[in-house]
């Protein structure tokens, strides 16, 4: 998809789009309601483009993250497993947490 091109225009004082007549490139009139809808659409597109990987929950919200400090030897061992399996380190970590949780559930 091609990136849109923008021309630099001088930004002036705010105007009331329901009083002043401003027209878009397609000839349609820009009203306050239309400007608000366009701004909301632009903000949603910006958010979607910065959202990163899909949520692990399968829903459109951010996945909680957890930072864990480990000794260098542990990180190296996990990285070797991840590299060998062709998987991201984070996926190996999630799998380790899942196995730990399951083991403790069975023990209780």
N, C-alpha and C. Protein backbone atom coordinates (compact mmCIF):
# COMPACT_ATOMS: atom_id res chain seq x y z
N UNK A 1 0.84 -1.17 0.00
CA UNK A 1 0.00 0.00 0.00
C UNK A 1 0.89 1.23 0.00
N UNK A 2 0.64 2.16 -0.90
CA UNK A 2 1.45 3.36 -1.01
C UNK A 2 1.16 4.30 0.15
N UNK A 3 2.22 4.95 0.60
CA UNK A 3 2.05 5.94 1.68
C UNK A 3 1.47 7.21 1.09
N UNK A 4 0.55 7.86 1.80
CA UNK A 4 -0.01 9.11 1.28
C UNK A 4 1.04 10.21 1.29
N UNK A 5 0.90 11.14 0.37
CA UNK A 5 1.79 12.29 0.35
C UNK A 5 1.03 13.48 0.88
N UNK A 6 1.72 14.34 1.57
CA UNK A 6 1.10 15.50 2.18
C UNK A 6 1.80 16.76 1.68
N UNK A 7 1.03 17.79 1.45
CA UNK A 7 1.62 19.07 1.11
C UNK A 7 1.62 19.92 2.36
N UNK A 8 2.67 20.71 2.52
CA UNK A 8 2.75 21.57 3.70
C UNK A 8 1.82 22.76 3.51
N UNK A 9 0.98 22.98 4.48
CA UNK A 9 0.08 24.12 4.46
C UNK A 9 0.23 24.87 5.76
N UNK A 10 0.07 26.15 5.69
CA UNK A 10 0.17 26.96 6.89
C UNK A 10 -1.03 26.66 7.78
N UNK A 11 -0.75 26.45 9.06
CA UNK A 11 -1.82 26.19 10.02
C UNK A 11 -2.21 27.50 10.66
N UNK A 12 -3.47 27.82 10.56
CA UNK A 12 -3.96 29.09 11.10
C UNK A 12 -4.85 28.86 12.30
N UNK A 13 -5.61 29.86 12.68
CA UNK A 13 -6.50 29.73 13.83
C UNK A 13 -7.63 28.75 13.53
N UNK A 14 -8.20 28.18 14.58
CA UNK A 14 -9.34 27.27 14.42
C UNK A 14 -10.52 28.03 13.82
N UNK A 15 -11.30 27.31 13.04
CA UNK A 15 -12.51 27.91 12.48
C UNK A 15 -13.68 27.00 12.79
N UNK A 16 -14.88 27.54 12.69
CA UNK A 16 -16.10 26.76 12.86
C UNK A 16 -16.47 26.21 11.49
N UNK A 17 -16.26 24.92 11.29
CA UNK A 17 -16.50 24.31 9.98
C UNK A 17 -17.97 24.26 9.60
N UNK A 18 -18.85 24.48 10.55
CA UNK A 18 -20.27 24.53 10.21
C UNK A 18 -20.67 25.92 9.72
N UNK A 19 -19.78 26.91 9.91
CA UNK A 19 -20.03 28.28 9.42
C UNK A 19 -19.17 28.54 8.19
N UNK A 20 -17.87 28.30 8.30
CA UNK A 20 -16.94 28.50 7.18
C UNK A 20 -17.08 27.33 6.21
N UNK A 21 -16.99 27.62 4.93
CA UNK A 21 -17.07 26.56 3.93
C UNK A 21 -15.66 26.11 3.55
N UNK A 22 -15.37 24.86 3.87
CA UNK A 22 -14.10 24.24 3.52
C UNK A 22 -14.44 22.96 2.77
N UNK A 23 -13.76 22.76 1.63
CA UNK A 23 -14.06 21.60 0.80
C UNK A 23 -12.84 20.68 0.72
N UNK A 24 -13.12 19.39 0.70
CA UNK A 24 -12.08 18.37 0.57
C UNK A 24 -11.72 18.19 -0.89
N UNK A 25 -10.66 17.44 -1.15
CA UNK A 25 -10.20 17.21 -2.52
C UNK A 25 -11.27 16.58 -3.41
N UNK A 26 -12.17 15.79 -2.80
CA UNK A 26 -13.22 15.15 -3.60
C UNK A 26 -14.41 16.07 -3.83
N UNK A 27 -14.33 17.32 -3.35
CA UNK A 27 -15.40 18.29 -3.55
C UNK A 27 -16.44 18.31 -2.46
N UNK A 28 -16.38 17.37 -1.53
CA UNK A 28 -17.37 17.35 -0.44
C UNK A 28 -17.00 18.38 0.62
N UNK A 29 -18.03 18.85 1.32
CA UNK A 29 -17.82 19.89 2.33
C UNK A 29 -17.33 19.25 3.63
N UNK A 30 -16.36 19.89 4.25
CA UNK A 30 -15.84 19.45 5.55
C UNK A 30 -16.62 20.17 6.64
N UNK A 31 -17.36 19.40 7.42
CA UNK A 31 -18.12 19.95 8.55
C UNK A 31 -17.43 19.56 9.84
N UNK A 32 -17.89 20.11 10.94
CA UNK A 32 -17.32 19.76 12.26
C UNK A 32 -17.47 18.26 12.50
N UNK A 33 -18.64 17.70 12.19
CA UNK A 33 -18.88 16.26 12.41
C UNK A 33 -17.95 15.43 11.53
N UNK A 34 -17.81 15.84 10.26
CA UNK A 34 -16.94 15.08 9.35
C UNK A 34 -15.48 15.18 9.81
N UNK A 35 -15.06 16.36 10.26
CA UNK A 35 -13.68 16.54 10.74
C UNK A 35 -13.43 15.66 11.96
N UNK A 36 -14.40 15.60 12.87
CA UNK A 36 -14.25 14.76 14.07
C UNK A 36 -14.15 13.29 13.67
N UNK A 37 -14.97 12.85 12.72
CA UNK A 37 -14.94 11.45 12.27
C UNK A 37 -13.60 11.14 11.59
N UNK A 38 -13.11 12.06 10.76
CA UNK A 38 -11.82 11.85 10.09
C UNK A 38 -10.68 11.80 11.10
N UNK A 39 -10.74 12.66 12.11
CA UNK A 39 -9.70 12.66 13.15
C UNK A 39 -9.73 11.35 13.93
N UNK A 40 -10.92 10.88 14.27
CA UNK A 40 -11.03 9.62 15.02
C UNK A 40 -10.49 8.46 14.18
N UNK A 41 -10.83 8.44 12.91
CA UNK A 41 -10.35 7.39 12.01
C UNK A 41 -8.82 7.42 11.92
N UNK A 42 -8.26 8.63 11.81
CA UNK A 42 -6.80 8.76 11.74
C UNK A 42 -6.14 8.26 13.02
N UNK A 43 -6.71 8.59 14.16
CA UNK A 43 -6.14 8.15 15.43
C UNK A 43 -6.21 6.63 15.56
N UNK A 44 -7.30 6.02 15.11
CA UNK A 44 -7.41 4.56 15.15
C UNK A 44 -6.36 3.91 14.25
N UNK A 45 -6.13 4.49 13.08
CA UNK A 45 -5.12 3.93 12.17
C UNK A 45 -3.73 4.05 12.76
N UNK A 46 -3.46 5.17 13.44
CA UNK A 46 -2.16 5.34 14.09
C UNK A 46 -1.99 4.28 15.17
N UNK A 47 -3.04 4.09 15.98
CA UNK A 47 -2.97 3.09 17.05
C UNK A 47 -2.75 1.69 16.48
N UNK A 48 -3.49 1.36 15.42
CA UNK A 48 -3.36 0.03 14.82
C UNK A 48 -1.97 -0.18 14.25
N UNK A 49 -1.39 0.86 13.68
CA UNK A 49 -0.07 0.69 13.07
C UNK A 49 1.03 0.57 14.11
N UNK A 50 0.77 0.99 15.34
CA UNK A 50 1.77 0.92 16.40
C UNK A 50 1.49 -0.18 17.40
N UNK A 51 0.50 -0.99 17.13
CA UNK A 51 0.10 -1.95 18.15
C UNK A 51 1.00 -3.17 18.26
N UNK A 52 1.92 -3.35 17.35
CA UNK A 52 2.86 -4.47 17.47
C UNK A 52 2.22 -5.80 17.13
N UNK A 53 2.65 -6.82 17.84
CA UNK A 53 2.15 -8.17 17.57
C UNK A 53 0.70 -8.32 18.01
N UNK A 54 0.00 -9.28 17.42
CA UNK A 54 -1.38 -9.51 17.84
C UNK A 54 -1.45 -9.89 19.32
N UNK A 55 -2.56 -9.53 19.95
CA UNK A 55 -2.76 -9.85 21.36
C UNK A 55 -2.84 -11.36 21.54
N UNK A 56 -2.25 -11.85 22.61
CA UNK A 56 -2.31 -13.28 22.91
C UNK A 56 -3.69 -13.70 23.35
N UNK A 57 -4.51 -12.75 23.79
CA UNK A 57 -5.87 -13.07 24.24
C UNK A 57 -6.81 -13.27 23.06
N UNK A 58 -6.38 -12.85 21.87
CA UNK A 58 -7.24 -12.94 20.70
C UNK A 58 -8.20 -11.77 20.60
N UNK A 59 -8.18 -10.88 21.56
CA UNK A 59 -9.04 -9.72 21.55
C UNK A 59 -8.22 -8.50 21.16
N UNK A 60 -8.89 -7.41 20.87
CA UNK A 60 -8.20 -6.18 20.47
C UNK A 60 -7.83 -5.35 21.68
N UNK A 61 -7.01 -5.91 22.53
CA UNK A 61 -6.48 -5.15 23.66
C UNK A 61 -5.07 -5.66 23.93
N UNK A 62 -4.33 -4.86 24.67
CA UNK A 62 -2.93 -5.23 24.86
C UNK A 62 -2.81 -6.44 25.79
N UNK A 63 -1.79 -7.23 25.54
CA UNK A 63 -1.48 -8.39 26.37
C UNK A 63 -0.60 -7.92 27.52
N UNK A 64 -0.95 -8.31 28.75
CA UNK A 64 -0.08 -7.92 29.87
C UNK A 64 1.33 -8.48 29.67
N UNK A 65 2.32 -7.74 30.12
CA UNK A 65 3.68 -8.27 30.00
C UNK A 65 4.28 -8.46 31.38
N UNK A 66 5.31 -9.28 31.41
CA UNK A 66 5.98 -9.64 32.66
C UNK A 66 7.48 -9.63 32.39
N UNK A 67 8.20 -8.85 33.16
CA UNK A 67 9.66 -8.80 33.03
C UNK A 67 10.27 -9.67 34.11
N UNK A 68 11.14 -10.56 33.71
CA UNK A 68 11.76 -11.50 34.65
C UNK A 68 13.27 -11.37 34.53
N UNK A 69 13.94 -11.27 35.66
CA UNK A 69 15.40 -11.23 35.68
C UNK A 69 15.92 -12.65 35.92
N UNK A 70 16.86 -13.06 35.07
CA UNK A 70 17.45 -14.39 35.19
C UNK A 70 18.96 -14.27 35.09
N UNK A 71 19.68 -15.26 35.62
CA UNK A 71 21.14 -15.25 35.47
C UNK A 71 21.51 -15.39 33.99
N UNK A 72 22.67 -14.90 33.60
CA UNK A 72 23.10 -15.01 32.20
C UNK A 72 23.07 -16.45 31.68
N UNK A 73 23.43 -17.41 32.53
CA UNK A 73 23.45 -18.81 32.08
C UNK A 73 22.05 -19.30 31.73
N UNK A 74 21.05 -18.85 32.49
CA UNK A 74 19.66 -19.25 32.21
C UNK A 74 19.21 -18.64 30.89
N UNK A 75 19.49 -17.36 30.71
CA UNK A 75 19.11 -16.71 29.46
C UNK A 75 19.79 -17.38 28.27
N UNK A 76 21.06 -17.70 28.41
CA UNK A 76 21.80 -18.34 27.33
C UNK A 76 21.19 -19.70 26.99
N UNK A 77 20.85 -20.48 28.01
CA UNK A 77 20.24 -21.80 27.78
C UNK A 77 18.89 -21.65 27.08
N UNK A 78 18.09 -20.69 27.53
CA UNK A 78 16.78 -20.46 26.90
C UNK A 78 16.96 -19.98 25.46
N UNK A 79 17.93 -19.11 25.23
CA UNK A 79 18.18 -18.61 23.88
C UNK A 79 18.63 -19.73 22.96
N UNK A 80 19.44 -20.66 23.46
CA UNK A 80 19.88 -21.80 22.65
C UNK A 80 18.69 -22.67 22.27
N UNK A 81 17.78 -22.90 23.22
CA UNK A 81 16.58 -23.69 22.92
C UNK A 81 15.74 -22.97 21.86
N UNK A 82 15.54 -21.67 22.05
CA UNK A 82 14.75 -20.89 21.10
C UNK A 82 15.37 -20.93 19.71
N UNK A 83 16.68 -20.75 19.63
CA UNK A 83 17.37 -20.77 18.33
C UNK A 83 17.27 -22.14 17.68
N UNK A 84 17.48 -23.18 18.47
CA UNK A 84 17.41 -24.55 17.94
C UNK A 84 16.02 -24.85 17.38
N UNK A 85 14.98 -24.39 18.11
CA UNK A 85 13.61 -24.67 17.70
C UNK A 85 13.06 -23.65 16.71
N UNK A 86 13.82 -22.58 16.44
CA UNK A 86 13.34 -21.56 15.52
C UNK A 86 12.15 -20.79 16.06
N UNK A 87 12.17 -20.55 17.37
CA UNK A 87 11.05 -19.86 18.02
C UNK A 87 11.57 -18.64 18.77
N UNK A 88 10.71 -17.65 18.99
CA UNK A 88 11.14 -16.49 19.76
C UNK A 88 11.38 -16.85 21.23
N UNK A 89 12.30 -16.14 21.85
CA UNK A 89 12.60 -16.36 23.26
C UNK A 89 11.35 -16.17 24.12
N UNK A 90 10.53 -15.18 23.78
CA UNK A 90 9.31 -14.93 24.56
C UNK A 90 8.37 -16.14 24.53
N UNK A 91 8.31 -16.82 23.40
CA UNK A 91 7.45 -18.00 23.30
C UNK A 91 7.96 -19.12 24.20
N UNK A 92 9.27 -19.29 24.26
CA UNK A 92 9.86 -20.30 25.15
C UNK A 92 9.53 -19.95 26.60
N UNK A 93 9.63 -18.68 26.95
CA UNK A 93 9.30 -18.24 28.31
C UNK A 93 7.85 -18.49 28.65
N UNK A 94 6.94 -18.17 27.72
CA UNK A 94 5.50 -18.42 27.97
C UNK A 94 5.24 -19.91 28.18
N UNK A 95 5.89 -20.73 27.35
CA UNK A 95 5.72 -22.18 27.48
C UNK A 95 6.22 -22.66 28.84
N UNK A 96 7.35 -22.13 29.29
CA UNK A 96 7.91 -22.52 30.60
C UNK A 96 6.95 -22.13 31.72
N UNK A 97 6.39 -20.92 31.65
CA UNK A 97 5.42 -20.50 32.66
C UNK A 97 4.19 -21.40 32.65
N UNK A 98 3.69 -21.72 31.45
CA UNK A 98 2.51 -22.59 31.34
C UNK A 98 2.77 -23.96 31.96
N UNK A 99 3.95 -24.54 31.68
CA UNK A 99 4.29 -25.84 32.25
C UNK A 99 4.39 -25.76 33.77
N UNK A 100 4.97 -24.70 34.28
CA UNK A 100 5.10 -24.51 35.73
C UNK A 100 3.72 -24.40 36.38
N UNK A 101 2.84 -23.62 35.79
CA UNK A 101 1.48 -23.46 36.33
C UNK A 101 0.75 -24.79 36.31
N UNK A 102 0.83 -25.51 35.22
CA UNK A 102 0.15 -26.80 35.11
C UNK A 102 0.68 -27.79 36.14
N UNK A 103 1.97 -27.83 36.34
CA UNK A 103 2.56 -28.73 37.33
C UNK A 103 2.03 -28.41 38.73
N UNK A 104 1.91 -27.15 39.06
CA UNK A 104 1.41 -26.76 40.38
C UNK A 104 -0.09 -26.99 40.53
N UNK A 105 -0.82 -26.88 39.45
CA UNK A 105 -2.26 -27.18 39.51
C UNK A 105 -2.49 -28.67 39.77
N UNK A 106 -1.69 -29.50 39.12
CA UNK A 106 -1.83 -30.95 39.33
C UNK A 106 -1.45 -31.33 40.75
N UNK A 107 -0.48 -30.63 41.33
CA UNK A 107 -0.01 -30.95 42.68
C UNK A 107 -1.01 -30.54 43.75
N UNK A 108 -1.90 -29.59 43.44
CA UNK A 108 -2.84 -29.14 44.48
C UNK A 108 -4.12 -29.92 44.51
